[in-house]
């Protein structure tokens, strides 16, 4: 049975916050200006064009976060994380979108799940793993182990 694609919307943002609440104290609920968790507007998680990140116009200061790559219709394509001592999101996105890696038309937007900059690396990976299980990305081949069980990747991206 094929799993349906997940759209990154507020219902999914709430689920992400629910599963991360035991890892990130004070995450609260997704809402505008919340310094932790899914970066949201008033109605949807904010999806920034990947090109804006590559140009350095947005999220240039991000050192630790979980990121969600989507297509033009907010379908979750990939979930990953960065955890560095200096800004790293731009380089991670650039590596993903390198020529012949992934077609750029499939990965057009980036959503962000903020984590505290001082969160231990192991917990950042747990946040990525749990968020990935909620969002069930189409293109990941693996996610960090959480809850003692591996995530089962999709056979083929839709």
Protein backbone atom coordinates (compact mmCIF):
# COMPACT_ATOMS: atom_id res chain seq x y z
CA UNK A 1 0.00 0.00 0.00
CA UNK A 2 1.33 3.41 -0.97
CA UNK A 3 1.49 6.04 1.74
CA UNK A 4 -0.14 9.33 0.72
CA UNK A 5 2.09 12.37 0.33
CA UNK A 6 2.04 14.81 3.27
CA UNK A 7 1.29 18.50 2.82
CA UNK A 8 3.18 20.78 5.22
CA UNK A 9 0.27 22.67 6.78
CA UNK A 10 -0.72 23.84 10.27
CA UNK A 11 -2.10 20.43 11.23
CA UNK A 12 1.33 18.94 10.51
CA UNK A 13 3.03 21.82 12.35
CA UNK A 14 0.94 21.04 15.43
CA UNK A 15 1.88 17.36 15.22
CA UNK A 16 5.57 18.26 14.93
CA UNK A 17 5.29 20.46 18.04
CA UNK A 18 3.49 17.70 19.92
CA UNK A 19 6.21 15.12 19.25
CA UNK A 20 9.05 17.58 19.93
CA UNK A 21 7.59 18.90 23.19
CA UNK A 22 9.47 16.32 25.25
CA UNK A 23 12.78 17.22 23.56
CA UNK A 24 12.48 21.02 23.45
CA UNK A 25 11.19 22.64 26.61
CA UNK A 26 8.99 25.66 25.97
CA UNK A 27 8.24 24.79 22.34
CA UNK A 28 4.56 25.64 22.87
CA UNK A 29 2.23 25.67 19.89
CA UNK A 30 3.11 26.79 16.37
CA UNK A 31 2.27 30.48 16.01
CA UNK A 32 3.83 33.57 14.47
CA UNK A 33 6.89 34.87 16.35
CA UNK A 34 7.34 31.67 18.36
CA UNK A 35 11.16 31.43 18.68
CA UNK A 36 11.05 27.61 18.74
CA UNK A 37 9.50 25.00 16.51
CA UNK A 38 7.90 25.39 13.10
CA UNK A 39 8.27 28.92 11.72
CA UNK A 40 4.70 29.90 10.89
CA UNK A 41 2.61 32.70 9.54
CA UNK A 42 -0.96 33.23 10.61
CA UNK A 43 -2.38 30.36 8.53
CA UNK A 44 0.47 28.13 7.33
CA UNK A 45 4.04 27.18 8.06
CA UNK A 46 6.27 29.66 6.25
CA UNK A 47 7.88 28.14 3.17
CA UNK A 48 10.80 30.18 1.83
CA UNK A 49 11.89 29.75 -1.79
CA UNK A 50 15.06 27.63 -1.80
CA UNK A 51 16.67 30.16 -4.13
CA UNK A 52 16.33 32.86 -1.45
CA UNK A 53 18.32 30.72 0.96
CA UNK A 54 20.93 29.93 -1.70
CA UNK A 55 21.35 33.66 -2.38
CA UNK A 56 21.82 34.28 1.34
CA UNK A 57 18.75 36.51 1.63
CA UNK A 58 16.92 34.40 4.24
CA UNK A 59 17.99 32.28 7.23
CA UNK A 60 21.64 33.20 6.82
CA UNK A 61 22.15 33.04 10.59
CA UNK A 62 20.84 29.51 11.14
CA UNK A 63 23.30 27.21 12.91
CA UNK A 64 20.95 24.59 14.37
CA UNK A 65 17.55 23.62 12.98
CA UNK A 66 15.50 20.95 11.32
CA UNK A 67 14.52 21.89 7.78
CA UNK A 68 11.69 20.67 5.60
CA UNK A 69 12.07 20.80 1.83
CA UNK A 70 8.84 21.01 -0.14
CA UNK A 71 7.68 21.35 -3.71
CA UNK A 72 5.47 24.13 -5.10
CA UNK A 73 2.31 22.68 -3.55
CA UNK A 74 3.81 22.21 -0.04
CA UNK A 75 4.30 18.46 -0.41
CA UNK A 76 7.06 17.31 1.96
CA UNK A 77 9.98 16.05 -0.10
CA UNK A 78 12.83 15.89 2.45
CA UNK A 79 13.56 16.42 6.14
CA UNK A 80 17.09 17.15 7.36
CA UNK A 81 18.96 19.03 10.06
CA UNK A 82 21.94 21.28 10.62
CA UNK A 83 23.90 21.60 13.84
CA UNK A 84 27.07 23.64 13.51
CA UNK A 85 28.90 26.37 15.38
CA UNK A 86 28.54 28.72 12.41
CA UNK A 87 25.70 29.33 9.92
CA UNK A 88 25.15 26.16 7.93
CA UNK A 89 21.69 26.01 6.33
CA UNK A 90 22.72 27.63 3.05
CA UNK A 91 25.55 25.12 2.54
CA UNK A 92 23.29 22.15 3.30
CA UNK A 93 20.65 23.31 0.82
CA UNK A 94 23.36 24.00 -1.78
CA UNK A 95 24.71 20.45 -1.33
CA UNK A 96 21.25 18.95 -1.76
CA UNK A 97 20.59 20.95 -4.92
CA UNK A 98 23.97 20.33 -6.53
CA UNK A 99 23.76 19.52 -10.24
CA UNK A 100 22.53 15.98 -10.86
CA UNK A 101 21.56 15.48 -7.21
CA UNK A 102 17.84 16.33 -7.10
CA UNK A 103 15.80 18.12 -9.78
CA UNK A 104 15.33 21.72 -8.59
CA UNK A 105 11.73 21.75 -9.79
CA UNK A 106 10.93 19.06 -7.17
CA UNK A 107 12.60 20.88 -4.26
CA UNK A 108 11.52 24.50 -4.38
CA UNK A 109 10.73 25.58 -0.83
CA UNK A 110 12.19 25.30 2.65
CA UNK A 111 10.31 25.31 5.93
CA UNK A 112 12.18 25.64 9.21
CA UNK A 113 11.79 24.05 12.62
CA UNK A 114 13.85 26.10 15.04
CA UNK A 115 15.68 24.39 17.88
CA UNK A 116 17.77 26.05 20.59
CA UNK A 117 21.31 26.78 19.40
CA UNK A 118 22.71 25.03 22.47
CA UNK A 119 20.63 21.87 22.01
CA UNK A 120 22.97 18.84 22.14
CA UNK A 121 23.70 17.33 18.72
CA UNK A 122 22.04 14.04 19.68
CA UNK A 123 18.80 15.89 20.46
CA UNK A 124 18.94 17.79 17.16
CA UNK A 125 19.10 14.42 15.42
CA UNK A 126 16.18 13.16 17.52
CA UNK A 127 14.19 16.24 16.49
CA UNK A 128 14.97 15.48 12.84
CA UNK A 129 13.97 11.85 13.30
CA UNK A 130 10.67 12.61 15.02
CA UNK A 131 9.76 15.45 12.63
CA UNK A 132 10.56 13.14 9.73
CA UNK A 133 8.22 10.51 11.07
CA UNK A 134 5.39 13.04 11.30
CA UNK A 135 6.09 14.49 7.84
CA UNK A 136 7.01 11.18 6.10
CA UNK A 137 9.09 12.78 3.32
CA UNK A 138 9.01 11.45 -0.22
CA UNK A 139 12.73 11.64 -0.96
CA UNK A 140 14.62 10.71 2.22
CA UNK A 141 16.34 7.35 2.14
CA UNK A 142 16.90 7.39 5.90
CA UNK A 143 16.15 9.37 9.04
CA UNK A 144 17.85 9.21 12.43
CA UNK A 145 16.81 6.27 14.60
CA UNK A 146 14.25 7.22 17.25
CA UNK A 147 12.19 5.25 19.69
CA UNK A 148 14.34 2.21 19.05
CA UNK A 149 12.93 1.71 15.56
CA UNK A 150 14.12 2.76 12.12
CA UNK A 151 11.94 4.72 9.73
CA UNK A 152 10.83 2.87 6.61
CA UNK A 153 11.58 4.96 3.50
CA UNK A 154 9.24 5.09 0.57
CA UNK A 155 10.01 2.82 -2.34
CA UNK A 156 9.81 5.56 -4.90
CA UNK A 157 9.16 9.29 -4.71
CA UNK A 158 5.78 10.38 -6.01
